[in-house]
Amino acid sequence: MSKYYKINQNIRYPEARVIDELGQQLGIMMVKDALERAQNLGLDLVEVTDKAVPPIIKIIDFQKFKYQEDKREKSGSSRGGQETKGIRLRPFMAENDLMTKVKQAEKFLKSGDRVKLVVKFQGREITKKEIGEKLIATAIEKLSESSTVVEAPKFMGKLLIAQIKPKK
């Protein structure tokens, strides 16, 4: 929900501090005058806050503002654009296959993404959990120069999962 919440005629104060479409303060003026100015420009008059004395209103294109805000919410994550990439490992994989996966994980870390290391056990492989733990420990050790562990390895059913992020 936007902090901008009241548009045009819903503003119930006789005067307010007005900010124009360029972000410049126009000072304290009558809301009627500010509304007229906004309509002449083909824009909307939006209440920013009513907690200030006098309240603050802004002249903006509200549809454009909402579009940009929605776009920003959809694209941005809490980690500032950081994605989580997955690397799938198998408990009985060859050393060179592991090194290929480690190089791929390094590439992800260099681009600023988190990496989720997943060892998947199938069938009777689950009886050899220590091999999977050793494998994921080796991968984390090889990536230790460029990463830090966010989530230590833990079992979730037939998966052994660990998460690492790039060092700053």
Protein backbone atom coordinates (compact mmCIF):
# COMPACT_ATOMS: atom_id res chain seq x y z
CA MET A 1 0.00 0.00 0.00
CA SER A 2 1.29 3.40 -0.94
CA LYS A 3 1.93 6.17 1.54
CA TYR A 4 0.03 8.38 -0.91
CA TYR A 5 -3.60 7.72 -0.20
CA LYS A 6 -5.94 10.64 -0.78
CA ILE A 7 -6.46 12.14 -4.22
CA ASN A 8 -7.92 15.49 -5.35
CA GLN A 9 -11.34 16.16 -3.79
CA ASN A 10 -10.76 13.81 -0.84
CA ILE A 11 -8.31 16.26 0.74
CA ARG A 12 -10.24 17.89 3.55
CA TYR A 13 -7.87 20.65 4.70
CA PRO A 14 -8.25 24.32 3.71
CA GLU A 15 -4.49 24.84 3.24
CA ALA A 16 -1.44 22.63 2.97
CA ARG A 17 2.25 22.60 2.07
CA VAL A 18 2.46 21.95 -1.67
CA ILE A 19 5.20 20.15 -3.58
CA ASP A 20 5.11 20.46 -7.38
CA GLU A 21 5.68 17.76 -10.02
CA LEU A 22 9.45 18.45 -10.04
CA GLY A 23 9.78 18.00 -6.27
CA GLN A 24 10.14 21.73 -5.55
CA GLN A 25 8.29 23.17 -2.55
CA LEU A 26 5.77 25.79 -3.52
CA GLY A 27 5.11 26.66 0.11
CA ILE A 28 1.85 26.77 2.04
CA MET A 29 -1.16 27.53 -0.13
CA MET A 30 -4.89 26.98 -0.30
CA VAL A 31 -5.86 23.47 -1.41
CA LYS A 32 -8.31 24.96 -3.96
CA ASP A 33 -5.43 26.85 -5.63
CA ALA A 34 -3.20 23.76 -5.61
CA LEU A 35 -6.02 21.66 -7.09
CA GLU A 36 -6.56 24.22 -9.83
CA ARG A 37 -2.82 24.26 -10.59
CA ALA A 38 -2.75 20.43 -10.77
CA GLN A 39 -5.78 20.34 -13.10
CA ASN A 40 -4.18 22.95 -15.39
CA LEU A 41 -1.13 20.68 -15.67
CA GLY A 42 -3.32 17.59 -16.20
CA LEU A 43 -1.98 16.00 -13.02
CA ASP A 44 -3.38 14.83 -9.67
CA LEU A 45 -3.18 16.38 -6.24
CA VAL A 46 -2.21 13.70 -3.72
CA GLU A 47 -1.98 13.92 0.06
CA VAL A 48 1.42 12.68 1.21
CA THR A 49 0.84 12.97 4.95
CA ASP A 50 -1.69 14.52 7.26
CA LYS A 51 0.53 14.09 10.33
CA ALA A 52 2.54 17.26 9.53
CA VAL A 53 1.24 20.70 10.35
CA PRO A 54 0.16 21.85 7.82
CA PRO A 55 -0.45 18.61 5.86
CA ILE A 56 1.74 17.93 2.83
CA ILE A 57 0.26 17.46 -0.63
CA LYS A 58 2.00 16.78 -3.91
CA ILE A 59 1.19 17.40 -7.57
CA ILE A 60 1.97 14.19 -9.50
CA ASP A 61 0.66 11.92 -12.24
CA PHE A 62 -0.86 9.33 -9.91
CA GLN A 63 -1.31 6.59 -12.55
CA LYS A 64 2.35 6.85 -13.55
CA PHE A 65 3.37 6.81 -9.88
CA LYS A 66 1.30 3.68 -9.16
CA TYR A 67 2.72 1.94 -12.24
CA GLN A 68 6.32 2.68 -11.18
CA GLU A 69 5.62 1.62 -7.59
CA ASP A 70 4.05 -1.69 -8.70
CA LYS A 71 6.96 -2.32 -11.06
CA ARG A 72 9.46 -1.62 -8.26
CA GLU A 73 7.62 -3.99 -5.88
CA LYS A 74 7.52 -6.81 -8.43
CA SER A 75 11.16 -6.54 -9.49
CA GLY A 76 12.79 -5.81 -6.15
CA SER A 77 13.31 -8.41 -3.53
CA SER A 78 14.32 -7.98 0.03
CA ARG A 79 17.89 -8.81 -0.90
CA GLY A 80 18.26 -6.02 -3.42
CA GLY A 81 17.95 -8.02 -6.62
CA GLN A 82 19.80 -11.05 -5.33
CA GLU A 83 18.53 -14.36 -6.69
CA THR A 84 18.95 -17.88 -5.35
CA LYS A 85 20.42 -20.32 -7.84
CA GLY A 86 20.32 -24.06 -7.27
CA ILE A 87 23.15 -26.56 -7.76
CA ARG A 88 22.06 -30.22 -7.63
CA LEU A 89 24.57 -32.81 -6.51
CA ARG A 90 24.38 -36.60 -6.20
CA PRO A 91 26.05 -38.54 -3.36
CA PHE A 92 28.09 -40.84 -5.65
CA MET A 93 29.29 -38.35 -8.24
CA ALA A 94 32.82 -38.29 -9.63
CA GLU A 95 35.37 -35.68 -8.47
CA ASN A 96 35.48 -33.93 -11.86
CA ASP A 97 31.67 -33.66 -11.92
CA LEU A 98 31.79 -32.06 -8.47
CA MET A 99 34.43 -29.57 -9.68
CA THR A 100 32.20 -28.64 -12.63
CA LYS A 101 29.34 -27.93 -10.23
CA VAL A 102 31.66 -25.92 -7.94
CA LYS A 103 32.81 -23.78 -10.90
CA GLN A 104 29.18 -23.15 -11.82
CA ALA A 105 28.45 -22.12 -8.23
CA GLU A 106 31.48 -19.76 -8.28
CA LYS A 107 30.09 -18.13 -11.40
CA PHE A 108 26.75 -17.56 -9.66
CA LEU A 109 28.47 -16.15 -6.57
CA LYS A 110 30.56 -13.74 -8.67
CA SER A 111 27.39 -12.41 -10.29
CA GLY A 112 26.06 -11.66 -6.77
CA ASP A 113 23.52 -14.48 -6.43
CA ARG A 114 23.02 -16.85 -3.52
CA VAL A 115 23.60 -20.53 -4.18
CA LYS A 116 21.54 -23.40 -2.79
CA LEU A 117 23.49 -26.66 -2.74
CA VAL A 118 21.20 -29.70 -2.85
CA VAL A 119 22.33 -33.31 -2.54
CA LYS A 120 19.51 -35.57 -3.70
CA PHE A 121 19.39 -39.15 -2.44
CA GLN A 122 17.50 -41.79 -4.42
CA GLY A 123 16.53 -45.24 -3.32
CA ARG A 124 19.08 -46.93 -1.07
CA GLU A 125 21.50 -44.00 -1.30
CA ILE A 126 19.74 -42.54 1.75
CA THR A 127 21.49 -45.17 3.89
CA LYS A 128 24.82 -43.44 3.08
CA LYS A 129 24.01 -40.00 4.46
CA GLU A 130 27.62 -39.45 5.56
CA ILE A 131 28.78 -39.55 1.93
CA GLY A 132 26.34 -36.76 1.05
CA GLU A 133 27.44 -34.75 4.09
CA LYS A 134 31.10 -35.18 3.10
CA LEU A 135 30.28 -34.13 -0.49
CA ILE A 136 28.47 -30.96 0.52
CA ALA A 137 31.23 -30.12 3.05
CA THR A 138 33.80 -30.46 0.25
CA ALA A 139 31.79 -28.17 -2.02
CA ILE A 140 31.40 -25.56 0.75
CA GLU A 141 35.12 -25.77 1.53
CA LYS A 142 36.07 -25.22 -2.13
CA LEU A 143 33.72 -22.21 -2.28
CA SER A 144 34.82 -20.79 1.11
CA GLU A 145 37.10 -18.12 -0.44
CA SER A 146 34.24 -16.43 -2.27
CA SER A 147 31.28 -17.23 -0.02
CA THR A 148 29.86 -17.49 3.46
CA VAL A 149 27.40 -20.12 4.71
CA VAL A 150 23.88 -18.77 5.24
CA GLU A 151 22.20 -22.07 6.04
CA ALA A 152 24.23 -25.01 7.32
CA PRO A 153 23.61 -28.40 5.66
CA LYS A 154 20.44 -30.06 6.93
CA PHE A 155 18.24 -32.91 5.81
CA MET A 156 14.75 -32.31 4.45
CA GLY A 157 13.40 -35.72 3.57
CA LYS A 158 15.67 -37.18 0.90
CA LEU A 159 17.43 -33.87 0.28
CA LEU A 160 20.48 -32.45 2.02
CA ILE A 161 20.34 -28.67 1.60
CA ALA A 162 22.84 -25.89 2.33
CA GLN A 163 22.77 -22.24 1.26
CA ILE A 164 25.71 -19.89 0.69
CA LYS A 165 26.00 -16.24 -0.29
CA PRO A 166 28.82 -14.20 -1.80
CA LYS A 167 31.28 -12.42 0.50
CA LYS A 168 31.09 -8.64 0.44
